């Protein structure tokens, strides 16, 4: 028993050293909605087309990682804990483009109007409504917002690439809006055209900065308990739980440009700096919350 603290420390150290992914994840089935699919240096991809617009998804294999950010300020901090994702999933390589959203819905609520920029000024409820619309259009049940665990795992990449890069290489945020690139190209303050920064090793763009991204989970103080396939739902008697959005935003400081940083807001709120990113998972492999229903 006296060796348990030492063993626990060693395990946490090993997990924090890198993000782990399955060595042989197997080849997943191509999503039924894919108009085109293939394999490139980042891995498997599938393209979803609607009329003249399209978005690319990338396959994220199952794996384990250390989730959290204990150094964040106040309610944004989360304890480090080992999270296991037992099933792979597909995630859009970029934040939802205005062009694709407008093609499907015929509306564009964004404050910074440009079809090549990320959609923003949208509530959590409208995001969920959009995923349901896609599920109906493509006769599937797999489109959804990412869980917080899925989002953070995707943001970190298979070898935590962001650890070795400067924030302004990977993200549009407060300090990078006035750097030499911005001055040279005479860019205005606000959101930016998607996929102009360096992607991570999963091939995902703008996971940090530009616009925040709504996630599936309710906001709740977390513990350091290790979990499998977590999705947090909070049962409140009188109030609607707040939702989590991740990734930092174009006008925030570099303290928020971290995969483990989180923010909360009412699901009815919408703002010019929060959008979303889609995931798709085989309907038979939908994520189930692991005893994380919390009554308040």
Protein backbone atom coordinates (compact mmCIF):
# COMPACT_ATOMS: atom_id res chain seq x y z
CA UNK A 1 0.00 0.00 0.00
CA UNK A 2 2.89 2.37 0.73
CA UNK A 3 3.85 2.29 -2.97
CA UNK A 4 0.44 3.39 -4.27
CA UNK A 5 1.22 7.16 -4.23
CA UNK A 6 4.43 6.51 -6.18
CA UNK A 7 2.63 4.32 -8.73
CA UNK A 8 -0.12 6.94 -9.16
CA UNK A 9 2.46 9.67 -9.70
CA UNK A 10 4.26 7.60 -12.34
CA UNK A 11 1.01 6.89 -14.20
CA UNK A 12 0.01 10.56 -14.25
CA UNK A 13 3.51 11.52 -15.43
CA UNK A 14 3.37 9.03 -18.27
CA UNK A 15 -0.04 10.25 -19.40
CA UNK A 16 0.89 13.93 -19.21
CA UNK A 17 3.99 13.34 -21.31
CA UNK A 18 1.93 12.74 -24.43
CA UNK A 19 -1.52 12.10 -25.77
CA UNK A 20 -2.04 8.42 -26.46
CA UNK A 21 -3.88 7.04 -29.46
CA UNK A 22 -4.57 3.48 -30.44
CA UNK A 23 -1.66 1.92 -32.31
CA UNK A 24 -3.87 0.04 -34.73
CA UNK A 25 -7.19 1.87 -34.75
CA UNK A 26 -8.58 -0.16 -37.64
CA UNK A 27 -10.21 1.33 -40.67
CA UNK A 28 -13.64 2.81 -39.90
CA UNK A 29 -16.48 2.64 -42.36
CA UNK A 30 -16.81 5.60 -44.68
CA UNK A 31 -19.73 7.76 -43.46
CA UNK A 32 -22.85 7.16 -45.60
CA UNK A 33 -23.16 10.87 -46.35
CA UNK A 34 -19.61 11.22 -47.72
CA UNK A 35 -19.46 12.46 -51.31
CA UNK A 36 -15.73 11.92 -51.30
CA UNK A 37 -13.28 10.27 -48.92
CA UNK A 38 -9.63 9.35 -48.76
CA UNK A 39 -6.41 9.30 -46.79
CA UNK A 40 -3.69 11.95 -46.62
CA UNK A 41 -0.79 12.87 -44.33
CA UNK A 42 -3.21 13.68 -41.50
CA UNK A 43 -5.21 10.48 -41.82
CA UNK A 44 -8.69 9.63 -43.05
CA UNK A 45 -11.03 12.31 -44.31
CA UNK A 46 -14.59 12.52 -45.64
CA UNK A 47 -16.25 15.39 -47.47
CA UNK A 48 -19.86 16.43 -46.95
CA UNK A 49 -21.40 18.41 -49.79
CA UNK A 50 -24.60 20.39 -49.90
CA UNK A 51 -25.42 22.08 -53.19
CA UNK A 52 -22.30 24.14 -54.02
CA UNK A 53 -20.75 24.15 -50.55
CA UNK A 54 -18.80 21.49 -48.70
CA UNK A 55 -16.97 20.79 -45.45
CA UNK A 56 -14.26 18.26 -44.69
CA UNK A 57 -14.29 15.90 -41.72
CA UNK A 58 -11.29 14.08 -40.29
CA UNK A 59 -11.33 10.80 -38.43
CA UNK A 60 -10.14 10.86 -34.82
CA UNK A 61 -9.28 7.36 -33.55
CA UNK A 62 -10.10 6.22 -30.05
CA UNK A 63 -7.47 6.87 -27.41
CA UNK A 64 -6.55 8.26 -23.99
CA UNK A 65 -5.21 11.60 -22.84
CA UNK A 66 -4.80 13.85 -19.83
CA UNK A 67 -7.62 16.36 -19.92
CA UNK A 68 -7.66 19.61 -17.99
CA UNK A 69 -6.00 22.94 -17.28
CA UNK A 70 -5.26 23.49 -13.60
CA UNK A 71 -3.48 26.79 -14.30
CA UNK A 72 -6.52 28.56 -15.77
CA UNK A 73 -8.17 31.36 -13.82
CA UNK A 74 -11.27 30.89 -11.65
CA UNK A 75 -14.08 28.75 -13.04
CA UNK A 76 -12.12 28.21 -16.23
CA UNK A 77 -9.68 25.89 -14.47
CA UNK A 78 -10.19 22.14 -14.65
CA UNK A 79 -8.30 19.44 -12.73
CA UNK A 80 -6.04 17.12 -14.70
CA UNK A 81 -7.51 13.65 -15.13
CA UNK A 82 -7.13 10.72 -17.47
CA UNK A 83 -9.93 10.43 -20.03
CA UNK A 84 -10.50 7.40 -22.23
CA UNK A 85 -12.46 7.64 -25.48
CA UNK A 86 -13.44 4.12 -26.49
CA UNK A 87 -14.75 4.96 -29.97
CA UNK A 88 -13.44 6.97 -32.86
CA UNK A 89 -15.39 9.83 -34.40
CA UNK A 90 -15.30 12.29 -37.30
CA UNK A 91 -14.84 16.01 -36.66
CA UNK A 92 -14.99 18.92 -39.06
CA UNK A 93 -11.50 20.21 -39.88
CA UNK A 94 -12.67 23.80 -39.45
CA UNK A 95 -15.21 25.83 -37.55
CA UNK A 96 -18.58 25.88 -39.31
CA UNK A 97 -18.17 28.15 -42.38
CA UNK A 98 -20.85 30.74 -43.02
CA UNK A 99 -21.15 29.47 -46.59
CA UNK A 100 -22.14 25.93 -45.64
CA UNK A 101 -24.53 27.02 -42.90
CA UNK A 102 -26.25 29.50 -45.21
CA UNK A 103 -26.54 26.90 -47.98
CA UNK A 104 -28.40 24.55 -45.66
CA UNK A 105 -30.53 27.04 -43.71
CA UNK A 106 -30.78 30.02 -46.11
CA UNK A 107 -29.86 32.36 -43.23
CA UNK A 108 -26.61 33.78 -41.90
CA UNK A 109 -26.80 35.33 -38.41
CA UNK A 110 -23.10 36.26 -38.31
CA UNK A 111 -22.00 39.76 -37.32
CA UNK A 112 -18.84 39.51 -39.42
CA UNK A 113 -20.39 38.67 -42.75
CA UNK A 114 -18.05 36.78 -45.07
CA UNK A 115 -18.87 33.35 -46.44
CA UNK A 116 -15.29 32.18 -45.90
CA UNK A 117 -15.29 33.14 -42.22
CA UNK A 118 -16.65 31.02 -39.36
CA UNK A 119 -20.30 31.30 -38.47
CA UNK A 120 -20.94 33.11 -35.17
CA UNK A 121 -23.70 34.90 -33.29
CA UNK A 122 -25.57 31.64 -32.78
CA UNK A 123 -27.10 30.09 -29.66
CA UNK A 124 -26.42 26.59 -28.41
CA UNK A 125 -30.03 25.70 -29.22
CA UNK A 126 -29.67 26.83 -32.83
CA UNK A 127 -26.54 24.71 -33.17
CA UNK A 128 -28.42 21.64 -31.96
CA UNK A 129 -31.28 22.51 -34.32
CA UNK A 130 -28.80 22.58 -37.19
CA UNK A 131 -27.40 19.14 -36.32
CA UNK A 132 -30.92 17.73 -36.31
CA UNK A 133 -31.58 19.27 -39.70
CA UNK A 134 -28.48 17.59 -41.12
CA UNK A 135 -29.47 14.27 -39.59
CA UNK A 136 -32.85 14.54 -41.32
CA UNK A 137 -31.32 15.59 -44.64
CA UNK A 138 -28.81 12.75 -44.70
CA UNK A 139 -30.96 10.12 -42.98
CA UNK A 140 -28.57 9.61 -40.09
CA UNK A 141 -28.45 10.22 -36.34
CA UNK A 142 -24.73 10.81 -36.08
CA UNK A 143 -24.30 14.60 -36.47
CA UNK A 144 -23.87 16.44 -33.19
CA UNK A 145 -21.83 18.97 -31.29
CA UNK A 146 -18.64 17.49 -29.84
CA UNK A 147 -18.53 16.52 -26.21
CA UNK A 148 -15.99 18.51 -24.22
CA UNK A 149 -13.78 15.41 -24.09
CA UNK A 150 -13.99 14.89 -27.85
CA UNK A 151 -13.24 18.55 -28.45
CA UNK A 152 -10.20 18.71 -26.16
CA UNK A 153 -8.79 15.42 -27.43
CA UNK A 154 -9.11 16.71 -31.00
CA UNK A 155 -7.58 20.07 -30.09
CA UNK A 156 -4.53 18.56 -28.43
CA UNK A 157 -3.72 16.33 -31.38
CA UNK A 158 -2.07 12.90 -31.13
CA UNK A 159 1.27 14.25 -29.86
CA UNK A 160 0.23 17.57 -28.30
CA UNK A 161 1.67 19.55 -31.20
CA UNK A 162 0.46 22.83 -29.71
CA UNK A 163 2.98 22.48 -26.89
CA UNK A 164 5.83 23.15 -29.33
CA UNK A 165 4.29 26.07 -31.20
CA UNK A 166 3.80 29.76 -30.57
CA UNK A 167 0.18 30.80 -30.09
CA UNK A 168 0.20 33.21 -33.01
CA UNK A 169 1.18 30.36 -35.34
CA UNK A 170 -1.96 28.40 -34.59
CA UNK A 171 -4.60 30.87 -33.43
CA UNK A 172 -6.23 34.24 -34.06
CA UNK A 173 -6.47 35.90 -30.67
CA UNK A 174 -6.09 39.33 -29.06
CA UNK A 175 -2.35 39.69 -29.35
CA UNK A 176 -2.11 38.31 -32.90
CA UNK A 177 -4.69 40.77 -34.25
CA UNK A 178 -2.10 43.54 -34.23
CA UNK A 179 1.05 41.64 -35.20
CA UNK A 180 3.13 42.30 -38.31
CA UNK A 181 0.95 40.02 -40.42
CA UNK A 182 -2.15 42.01 -39.57
CA UNK A 183 -0.42 45.32 -40.27
CA UNK A 184 1.04 44.07 -43.55
CA UNK A 185 -2.27 42.79 -44.84
CA UNK A 186 -4.38 45.62 -43.40
CA UNK A 187 -6.80 43.25 -41.68
CA UNK A 188 -9.69 44.57 -39.64
CA UNK A 189 -10.34 43.52 -36.05
CA UNK A 190 -12.77 40.61 -35.85
CA UNK A 191 -13.03 37.03 -37.02
CA UNK A 192 -10.79 35.68 -39.75
CA UNK A 193 -11.14 33.46 -42.80
CA UNK A 194 -10.93 29.83 -41.75
CA UNK A 195 -7.88 27.62 -42.30
CA UNK A 196 -5.29 30.40 -42.50
CA UNK A 197 -3.29 29.22 -39.49
CA UNK A 198 -1.25 26.04 -38.96
CA UNK A 199 -3.32 22.88 -38.28
CA UNK A 200 -2.50 20.38 -35.56
CA UNK A 201 -1.39 16.79 -36.20
CA UNK A 202 -4.99 15.70 -36.68
CA UNK A 203 -5.21 18.23 -39.53
CA UNK A 204 -7.66 20.46 -37.66
CA UNK A 205 -7.65 24.23 -38.09
CA UNK A 206 -8.54 27.01 -35.65
CA UNK A 207 -9.23 24.76 -32.70
CA UNK A 208 -7.82 27.67 -30.72
CA UNK A 209 -8.75 31.29 -31.34
CA UNK A 210 -10.95 32.93 -34.00
CA UNK A 211 -14.33 31.94 -32.50
CA UNK A 212 -15.19 29.90 -29.44
CA UNK A 213 -17.00 26.62 -30.11
CA UNK A 214 -20.13 25.35 -28.38
CA UNK A 215 -19.82 21.84 -26.90
CA UNK A 216 -22.41 19.30 -25.86
CA UNK A 217 -21.71 19.28 -22.12
CA UNK A 218 -23.29 21.28 -19.33
CA UNK A 219 -20.92 23.43 -17.27
CA UNK A 220 -20.02 21.96 -13.91
CA UNK A 221 -17.13 21.98 -11.45
CA UNK A 222 -15.06 18.90 -12.22
CA UNK A 223 -13.08 16.44 -10.12
CA UNK A 224 -9.80 14.71 -10.88
CA UNK A 225 -11.52 11.33 -11.21
CA UNK A 226 -10.50 9.40 -14.32
CA UNK A 227 -13.44 8.82 -16.68
CA UNK A 228 -14.45 7.00 -19.85
CA UNK A 229 -16.50 8.63 -22.64
CA UNK A 230 -17.76 11.45 -20.40
CA UNK A 231 -20.62 13.79 -21.27
CA UNK A 232 -21.70 16.01 -18.38
CA UNK A 233 -25.38 16.74 -17.85
CA UNK A 234 -26.49 18.76 -14.83
CA UNK A 235 -30.00 18.40 -13.48
CA UNK A 236 -31.15 21.67 -11.95
CA UNK A 237 -34.55 22.01 -10.38
CA UNK A 238 -35.36 25.54 -11.51
CA UNK A 239 -32.65 26.81 -13.85
CA UNK A 240 -31.37 25.73 -17.24
CA UNK A 241 -27.72 24.64 -16.89
CA UNK A 242 -25.07 26.70 -18.61
CA UNK A 243 -23.25 25.19 -21.57
CA UNK A 244 -19.53 25.02 -22.25
CA UNK A 245 -17.74 26.60 -25.16
CA UNK A 246 -14.08 26.04 -25.85
CA UNK A 247 -11.11 27.31 -27.81
CA UNK A 248 -10.64 30.98 -26.97
CA UNK A 249 -11.71 33.83 -29.26
CA UNK A 250 -10.23 36.39 -31.61
CA UNK A 251 -10.15 39.18 -29.03
CA UNK A 252 -9.11 37.23 -25.93
CA UNK A 253 -5.69 37.12 -24.30
CA UNK A 254 -3.28 34.26 -24.77
CA UNK A 255 -4.31 32.81 -21.38
CA UNK A 256 -7.37 31.35 -23.14
CA UNK A 257 -5.42 29.89 -26.07
CA UNK A 258 -5.13 26.46 -24.50
CA UNK A 259 -6.93 23.17 -25.26
CA UNK A 260 -7.83 22.85 -21.57
CA UNK A 261 -9.37 26.31 -21.13
CA UNK A 262 -13.16 26.49 -20.89
CA UNK A 263 -15.88 29.13 -20.71
CA UNK A 264 -19.56 28.91 -19.82
CA UNK A 265 -22.72 30.68 -20.92
CA UNK A 266 -26.49 30.25 -21.01
CA UNK A 267 -27.57 28.21 -24.05
CA UNK A 268 -29.88 31.08 -25.08
CA UNK A 269 -26.98 33.49 -25.46
CA UNK A 270 -25.35 34.35 -28.75
CA UNK A 271 -22.37 36.54 -29.50
CA UNK A 272 -20.12 37.67 -32.31
CA UNK A 273 -17.29 35.45 -31.10
CA UNK A 274 -18.86 32.02 -30.58
CA UNK A 275 -19.72 29.47 -33.26
CA UNK A 276 -19.43 25.70 -33.47
CA UNK A 277 -17.81 22.69 -35.11
CA UNK A 278 -19.59 19.50 -36.12
CA UNK A 279 -18.82 15.92 -35.23
CA UNK A 280 -20.27 12.74 -36.68
CA UNK A 281 -20.14 9.37 -35.02
CA UNK A 282 -21.62 6.08 -36.17
CA UNK A 283 -25.11 6.10 -34.61
CA UNK A 284 -24.54 2.71 -32.95
CA UNK A 285 -21.46 4.18 -31.26
CA UNK A 286 -22.98 7.36 -29.84
CA UNK A 287 -21.33 8.61 -26.67
CA UNK A 288 -23.00 7.73 -23.40
CA UNK A 289 -22.47 9.72 -20.21
CA UNK A 290 -20.59 7.71 -17.62
CA UNK A 291 -22.38 8.36 -14.34
CA UNK A 292 -21.91 12.10 -14.65
CA UNK A 293 -25.52 13.22 -14.22
CA UNK A 294 -25.36 15.76 -11.42
CA UNK A 295 -28.36 17.06 -9.51
CA UNK A 296 -28.26 20.63 -8.23
